Protein backbone atom coordinates (compact mmCIF):
# COMPACT_ATOMS: atom_id res chain seq x y z
CA UNK A 1 -11.83 -22.24 -6.46
CA UNK A 2 -9.47 -24.78 -7.34
CA UNK A 3 -6.20 -24.97 -9.19
CA UNK A 4 -8.22 -27.42 -12.39
CA UNK A 5 -11.19 -24.45 -12.60
CA UNK A 6 -8.83 -21.54 -13.18
CA UNK A 7 -6.70 -23.25 -15.45
CA UNK A 8 -9.82 -23.84 -17.54
CA UNK A 9 -10.98 -20.53 -17.18
CA UNK A 10 -7.21 -19.41 -18.38
CA UNK A 11 -7.27 -21.68 -21.40
CA UNK A 12 -10.90 -20.48 -22.53
CA UNK A 13 -9.63 -16.80 -22.24
CA UNK A 14 -6.56 -17.75 -24.33
CA UNK A 15 -6.24 -15.53 -27.62
CA UNK A 16 -7.89 -17.55 -30.29
CA UNK A 17 -10.32 -19.59 -28.40
CA UNK A 18 -14.47 -18.43 -28.73
CA UNK A 19 -15.06 -15.42 -26.39
CA UNK A 20 -16.86 -16.05 -23.60
CA UNK A 21 -17.39 -12.79 -21.61
CA UNK A 22 -17.99 -13.16 -18.20
CA UNK A 23 -20.33 -10.57 -16.34
CA UNK A 24 -19.32 -9.42 -12.47
CA UNK A 25 -22.28 -6.66 -11.98
CA UNK A 26 -20.88 -3.65 -9.73
CA UNK A 27 -17.87 -3.03 -8.66
CA UNK A 28 -15.57 -0.50 -7.27
CA UNK A 29 -11.75 0.09 -6.90
CA UNK A 30 -10.20 -1.48 -4.04
CA UNK A 31 -8.43 1.42 -1.63
CA UNK A 32 -6.87 1.06 1.22
CA UNK A 33 -8.97 3.80 2.70
CA UNK A 34 -11.34 1.31 2.64
CA UNK A 35 -9.69 -1.95 3.69
CA UNK A 36 -11.20 -1.75 7.30
CA UNK A 37 -14.81 -1.19 5.90
CA UNK A 38 -14.85 -3.56 3.29
CA UNK A 39 -13.16 -6.70 5.55
CA UNK A 40 -16.06 -5.49 8.90
CA UNK A 41 -18.48 -5.60 6.71
CA UNK A 42 -20.69 -6.60 4.06
CA UNK A 43 -20.88 -3.75 1.47
CA UNK A 44 -23.41 -4.32 -1.45
CA UNK A 45 -20.20 -4.32 -4.25
CA UNK A 46 -19.83 -7.53 -6.14
CA UNK A 47 -15.82 -7.17 -7.28
CA UNK A 48 -12.96 -4.86 -6.96
CA UNK A 49 -10.29 -3.78 -9.53
CA UNK A 50 -7.03 -3.18 -8.13
CA UNK A 51 -4.11 -1.41 -9.36
CA UNK A 52 -1.70 -4.62 -10.36
CA UNK A 53 1.44 -2.21 -9.64
CA UNK A 54 0.22 -1.24 -6.16
CA UNK A 55 0.16 -5.29 -5.03
CA UNK A 56 3.57 -6.06 -7.51
CA UNK A 57 5.18 -6.55 -3.95
CA UNK A 58 7.38 -9.38 -2.04
CA UNK A 59 4.86 -9.37 0.68
CA UNK A 60 3.68 -6.91 3.64
CA UNK A 61 0.11 -5.74 4.81
CA UNK A 62 -1.09 -5.03 0.94
CA UNK A 63 -0.51 -8.47 0.15
CA UNK A 64 -2.32 -9.90 3.32
CA UNK A 65 -5.32 -7.96 2.64
CA UNK A 66 -5.79 -8.90 -0.57
CA UNK A 67 -5.73 -12.17 -0.14
CA UNK A 68 -8.49 -11.36 1.72
CA UNK A 69 -10.57 -9.31 0.02
CA UNK A 70 -10.09 -12.54 -3.45
CA UNK A 71 -11.26 -15.44 -0.87
CA UNK A 72 -14.57 -13.04 -0.75
CA UNK A 73 -14.86 -11.12 -4.05
CA UNK A 74 -14.27 -11.34 -7.43
CA UNK A 75 -11.41 -9.22 -8.24
CA UNK A 76 -9.68 -8.12 -11.35
CA UNK A 77 -6.18 -6.38 -11.99
CA UNK A 78 -6.09 -2.85 -13.64
CA UNK A 79 -2.48 -1.67 -14.52
CA UNK A 80 -1.05 1.49 -15.64
CA UNK A 81 2.92 0.79 -16.54
CA UNK A 82 2.62 -1.70 -19.27
CA UNK A 83 3.06 1.69 -22.09
CA UNK A 84 1.46 -1.44 -24.66
CA UNK A 85 1.82 1.22 -27.67
CA UNK A 86 5.84 2.56 -26.21
CA UNK A 87 8.46 1.87 -28.42
CA UNK A 88 10.98 0.59 -26.42
CA UNK A 89 11.24 -3.05 -26.11
CA UNK A 90 8.55 -4.64 -23.28
CA UNK A 91 9.19 -4.51 -19.88
CA UNK A 92 10.00 -8.54 -19.21
CA UNK A 93 10.73 -7.81 -15.52
CA UNK A 94 7.83 -5.82 -15.58
CA UNK A 95 5.39 -8.53 -17.03
CA UNK A 96 7.19 -11.33 -14.67
CA UNK A 97 6.24 -9.68 -11.65
CA UNK A 98 2.71 -9.13 -13.15
CA UNK A 99 2.64 -12.62 -14.39
CA UNK A 100 3.28 -13.48 -10.48
CA UNK A 101 0.72 -11.49 -9.33
CA UNK A 102 -1.86 -12.79 -11.80
CA UNK A 103 -0.83 -16.91 -10.66
CA UNK A 104 -1.14 -15.38 -6.98
CA UNK A 105 -4.24 -13.27 -7.43
CA UNK A 106 -6.71 -15.40 -10.69
CA UNK A 107 -7.72 -12.22 -11.60
CA UNK A 108 -11.21 -12.34 -13.79
CA UNK A 109 -8.87 -10.80 -15.94
CA UNK A 110 -6.18 -7.92 -16.72
CA UNK A 111 -6.61 -4.70 -18.23
CA UNK A 112 -3.95 -1.46 -18.82
CA UNK A 113 -4.43 1.06 -21.20
CA UNK A 114 -3.69 2.46 -25.09
CA UNK A 115 -0.93 4.65 -24.30
CA UNK A 116 2.65 4.69 -23.53
CA UNK A 117 4.18 5.50 -20.76
CA UNK A 118 7.77 6.55 -21.19
CA UNK A 119 10.54 5.27 -23.13
CA UNK A 120 13.90 4.56 -22.57
CA UNK A 121 13.77 3.09 -19.32
CA UNK A 122 12.14 6.09 -17.83
CA UNK A 123 8.65 6.29 -16.66
CA UNK A 124 6.74 9.63 -17.31
CA UNK A 125 4.09 8.47 -14.64
CA UNK A 126 1.14 9.31 -17.24
CA UNK A 127 -0.91 7.68 -19.84
CA UNK A 128 0.49 9.56 -23.07
CA UNK A 129 -1.62 8.95 -26.20
CA UNK A 130 -0.62 7.92 -29.50
CA UNK A 131 -1.32 9.21 -33.45
CA UNK A 132 -3.88 7.03 -35.07
CA UNK A 133 -2.07 5.41 -37.81
CA UNK A 134 -1.73 2.32 -39.75
CA UNK A 135 1.93 1.96 -38.49
CA UNK A 136 1.11 2.74 -35.03
CA UNK A 137 -2.04 0.33 -35.36
CA UNK A 138 0.77 -2.58 -36.84
CA UNK A 139 2.77 -2.10 -33.77
CA UNK A 140 0.71 -1.81 -30.82
CA UNK A 141 -1.47 -5.62 -32.26
CA UNK A 142 1.99 -6.91 -32.58
CA UNK A 143 3.00 -5.82 -28.97
CA UNK A 144 -0.42 -6.97 -27.22
CA UNK A 145 -0.43 -10.77 -29.24
CA UNK A 146 3.67 -10.87 -27.33
CA UNK A 147 1.96 -9.45 -24.04
CA UNK A 148 -1.11 -11.99 -24.09
CA UNK A 149 1.46 -14.91 -25.31
CA UNK A 150 3.34 -14.25 -22.44
CA UNK A 151 0.25 -14.11 -20.03
CA UNK A 152 -1.30 -16.89 -21.11
CA UNK A 153 -4.60 -14.84 -21.57
CA UNK A 154 -6.54 -12.10 -23.45
CA UNK A 155 -5.87 -8.73 -21.43
CA UNK A 156 -8.46 -5.78 -22.20
CA UNK A 157 -7.26 -2.25 -23.24
CA UNK A 158 -8.79 1.11 -22.19
CA UNK A 159 -9.26 4.05 -24.06
CA UNK A 160 -8.03 7.18 -22.09
CA UNK A 161 -8.28 10.76 -22.36
CA UNK A 162 -6.73 13.34 -23.93
CA UNK A 163 -5.95 16.68 -24.81
CA UNK A 164 -4.29 17.12 -28.09
CA UNK A 165 -4.86 15.39 -30.73
CA UNK A 166 -2.18 14.24 -33.84
CA UNK A 167 -2.16 15.97 -37.26
CA UNK A 168 -0.73 12.59 -38.72
CA UNK A 169 -3.28 10.26 -37.28
CA UNK A 170 -5.59 8.65 -39.85
CA UNK A 171 -8.29 6.99 -38.28
CA UNK A 172 -10.42 8.06 -35.69
CA UNK A 173 -9.50 6.81 -31.43
CA UNK A 174 -13.09 4.38 -31.72
CA UNK A 175 -11.89 2.87 -35.21
CA UNK A 176 -8.21 2.75 -33.87
CA UNK A 177 -9.56 0.76 -30.66
CA UNK A 178 -11.75 -1.74 -32.42
CA UNK A 179 -9.15 -2.69 -34.86
CA UNK A 180 -7.07 -3.61 -32.02
CA UNK A 181 -9.39 -5.34 -30.39
CA UNK A 182 -9.50 -7.51 -33.13
CA UNK A 183 -6.80 -7.99 -34.77
CA UNK A 184 -4.71 -8.96 -31.27
CA UNK A 185 -7.61 -10.79 -30.17
CA UNK A 186 -7.80 -8.66 -26.86
CA UNK A 187 -10.86 -7.67 -25.18
CA UNK A 188 -11.79 -3.76 -23.80
CA UNK A 189 -12.13 -1.65 -21.30
CA UNK A 190 -14.87 1.43 -22.29
CA UNK A 191 -13.54 4.22 -19.56
CA UNK A 192 -17.51 6.24 -20.20
CA UNK A 193 -15.58 9.61 -18.75
CA UNK A 194 -12.59 9.03 -20.85
CA UNK A 195 -15.08 8.94 -23.59
CA UNK A 196 -17.16 12.12 -22.45
CA UNK A 197 -13.80 13.98 -21.07
CA UNK A 198 -12.02 13.02 -24.98
CA UNK A 199 -15.12 13.95 -26.71
CA UNK A 200 -15.59 17.56 -25.00
CA UNK A 201 -11.87 18.70 -25.81
CA UNK A 202 -11.52 17.67 -29.22
CA UNK A 203 -15.38 18.30 -30.48
CA UNK A 204 -16.38 15.01 -31.65
CA UNK A 205 -20.08 13.58 -30.76
CA UNK A 206 -19.22 10.64 -27.75
CA UNK A 207 -21.87 8.86 -28.57
CA UNK A 208 -20.53 7.82 -32.00
CA UNK A 209 -17.37 6.70 -29.66
CA UNK A 210 -19.95 4.40 -28.04
CA UNK A 211 -21.78 3.04 -31.34
CA UNK A 212 -18.75 2.45 -32.15
CA UNK A 213 -17.29 0.27 -30.07
CA UNK A 214 -18.00 -4.33 -30.81
CA UNK A 215 -20.37 -5.08 -27.90
CA UNK A 216 -18.77 -8.38 -28.28
CA UNK A 217 -15.12 -7.35 -27.10
CA UNK A 218 -15.66 -4.74 -24.25
CA UNK A 219 -15.77 -6.82 -20.61
CA UNK A 220 -15.50 -3.84 -18.29
CA UNK A 221 -16.84 -0.26 -18.23
CA UNK A 222 -15.14 2.15 -15.78
CA UNK A 223 -17.11 5.35 -14.63
CA UNK A 224 -15.40 8.27 -12.85
CA UNK A 225 -15.48 12.25 -12.19
CA UNK A 226 -13.88 15.22 -14.20
CA UNK A 227 -12.81 18.59 -13.03
CA UNK A 228 -14.65 20.79 -15.81
CA UNK A 229 -12.73 24.07 -16.65
CA UNK A 230 -15.23 25.39 -19.17
CA UNK A 231 -13.07 24.94 -22.04
CA UNK A 232 -12.09 22.20 -21.44
CA UNK A 233 -11.93 18.43 -19.31
CA UNK A 234 -9.41 17.73 -17.56
CA UNK A 235 -9.75 13.24 -16.22
CA UNK A 236 -9.20 13.85 -12.24
CA UNK A 237 -11.05 11.04 -10.96
CA UNK A 238 -11.34 13.14 -7.72
CA UNK A 239 -15.19 14.22 -7.53
CA UNK A 240 -18.44 12.63 -8.08
CA UNK A 241 -19.76 11.04 -10.98
CA UNK A 242 -21.13 13.80 -13.80
CA UNK A 243 -24.87 13.80 -14.48
CA UNK A 244 -23.84 14.47 -18.34
CA UNK A 245 -21.37 10.99 -17.54
CA UNK A 246 -24.25 8.91 -16.32
CA UNK A 247 -26.81 9.57 -19.28
CA UNK A 248 -23.66 8.25 -21.32
CA UNK A 249 -23.46 5.47 -19.09
CA UNK A 250 -27.16 4.72 -20.06
CA UNK A 251 -26.28 5.17 -23.85
CA UNK A 252 -23.30 2.66 -23.58
CA UNK A 253 -25.43 0.20 -21.60
CA UNK A 254 -28.67 0.39 -24.30
CA UNK A 255 -25.85 -0.09 -27.08
CA UNK A 256 -23.37 -2.64 -25.61
CA UNK A 257 -25.47 -4.63 -22.96
CA UNK A 258 -24.86 -6.08 -19.69
CA UNK A 259 -20.96 -5.11 -18.92
CA UNK A 260 -19.38 -5.35 -15.47
CA UNK A 261 -19.08 -1.36 -14.29
CA UNK A 262 -17.31 -0.41 -11.65
CA UNK A 263 -16.98 3.34 -10.08
CA UNK A 264 -13.23 4.57 -10.25
CA UNK A 265 -12.29 6.82 -7.90
CA UNK A 266 -8.37 7.25 -7.05
CA UNK A 267 -8.25 10.98 -5.12
CA UNK A 268 -10.05 12.34 -2.67
CA UNK A 269 -11.83 9.68 -1.80
CA UNK A 270 -14.62 9.48 0.12
CA UNK A 271 -16.18 7.42 2.74
CA UNK A 272 -16.74 3.61 1.41
CA UNK A 273 -20.78 4.58 1.80
CA UNK A 274 -20.63 7.45 -0.71
CA UNK A 275 -18.97 5.29 -3.34
CA UNK A 276 -21.97 2.80 -2.66
CA UNK A 277 -24.48 5.34 -3.36
CA UNK A 278 -22.92 5.91 -6.40
CA UNK A 279 -22.61 2.33 -7.37
CA UNK A 280 -26.12 2.20 -6.45
CA UNK A 281 -26.77 4.50 -9.33
CA UNK A 282 -24.82 2.50 -11.98
CA UNK A 283 -27.14 -0.35 -10.12
CA UNK A 284 -30.57 1.66 -11.09
CA UNK A 285 -29.00 2.58 -14.83
CA UNK A 286 -28.53 -1.08 -15.59
CA UNK A 287 -32.43 -2.24 -14.16
CA UNK A 288 -33.63 0.93 -15.98
CA UNK A 289 -32.27 -0.13 -19.27
CA UNK A 290 -32.27 -3.90 -19.50
CA UNK A 291 -32.69 -5.26 -15.55
CA UNK A 292 -29.30 -6.31 -14.84
CA UNK A 293 -29.69 -4.32 -11.26
CA UNK A 294 -30.06 -7.88 -9.42
CA UNK A 295 -26.66 -8.69 -8.46
CA UNK A 296 -25.13 -9.08 -4.77
CA UNK A 297 -26.49 -6.62 -2.57
CA UNK A 298 -28.69 -5.15 -4.59
CA UNK A 299 -31.70 -6.27 -1.90
CA UNK A 300 -29.60 -3.46 1.05
CA UNK A 301 -28.66 -1.54 -1.73
CA UNK A 302 -32.67 -0.88 -2.70
CA UNK A 303 -33.28 -0.91 1.21
CA UNK A 304 -30.82 1.75 2.54
CA UNK A 305 -30.91 4.40 -0.28
CA UNK A 306 -34.78 4.32 -0.68
CA UNK A 307 -36.40 7.57 -0.06
CA UNK A 308 -32.41 9.34 -0.12
CA UNK A 309 -33.20 10.56 -3.74
CA UNK A 310 -29.69 8.78 -4.85
CA UNK A 311 -30.30 7.59 -8.66
CA UNK A 312 -32.56 11.37 -9.77
CA UNK A 313 -30.98 11.94 -12.01
CA UNK A 314 -31.23 8.85 -13.99
CA UNK A 315 -35.00 8.75 -13.39
């Protein structure tokens, strides 16, 4: 990819430019346990998402591997430390390292979470919820605008799982999220599993959340597994995707149209083949809903899983 092409793409995605949402197909989170299988084979995956903080380093094996990956597949960057809703000043050192990584990786987009992760220089290493108030909305919109101006591109914000609600909230989460996207002119990363988890924990309709999303702003979808404890669900990313989450994903695809989709797995990571099986389910759902399953590796996916029963839950 030429520098001129990349610069043109970034200019087209600056806030204020017409929305031109790319579609990458079906991807996986890039994890060290799968490096060898990815580089030594031709896995049926269209793109990879990297955890930005894992590669914000001066050098070493992770960056070398990443250079090899990005030479063969599109890559997007996903962070966990932007802390966009914190009341602490933006961490400009973090943003400088994020921007430097983006210049090296040339990602299709950059994302993080609509939450706060720390205050007064302390990173709590958790994605913490916020009250959905008009004051918080103004605060987040202003900070998103500053981050986008610094990076020179739109970012995508992800909805987080939550386990408590604030009495001070003045609107629903989906209204808050939509308003941030509209007023800050940013993208949205819709985590369908997080919607399912939060809807169960707080007793609202998960489909109402999906239906409220501005389709033109949703640039990516996450699906993942969780831990169901009867009275509550915890977002763990250490299980296979639940059938109920696949059903909600099918609803999202029908409502939002083709959206780049990724399986997210962060613990108890299985062999790459197991995640490709799950990715085949996402492809099958998309094909059933609106015929968007035919992307890179589609023929090999279907041949490999013929008669295996994968995807039976979504027939």
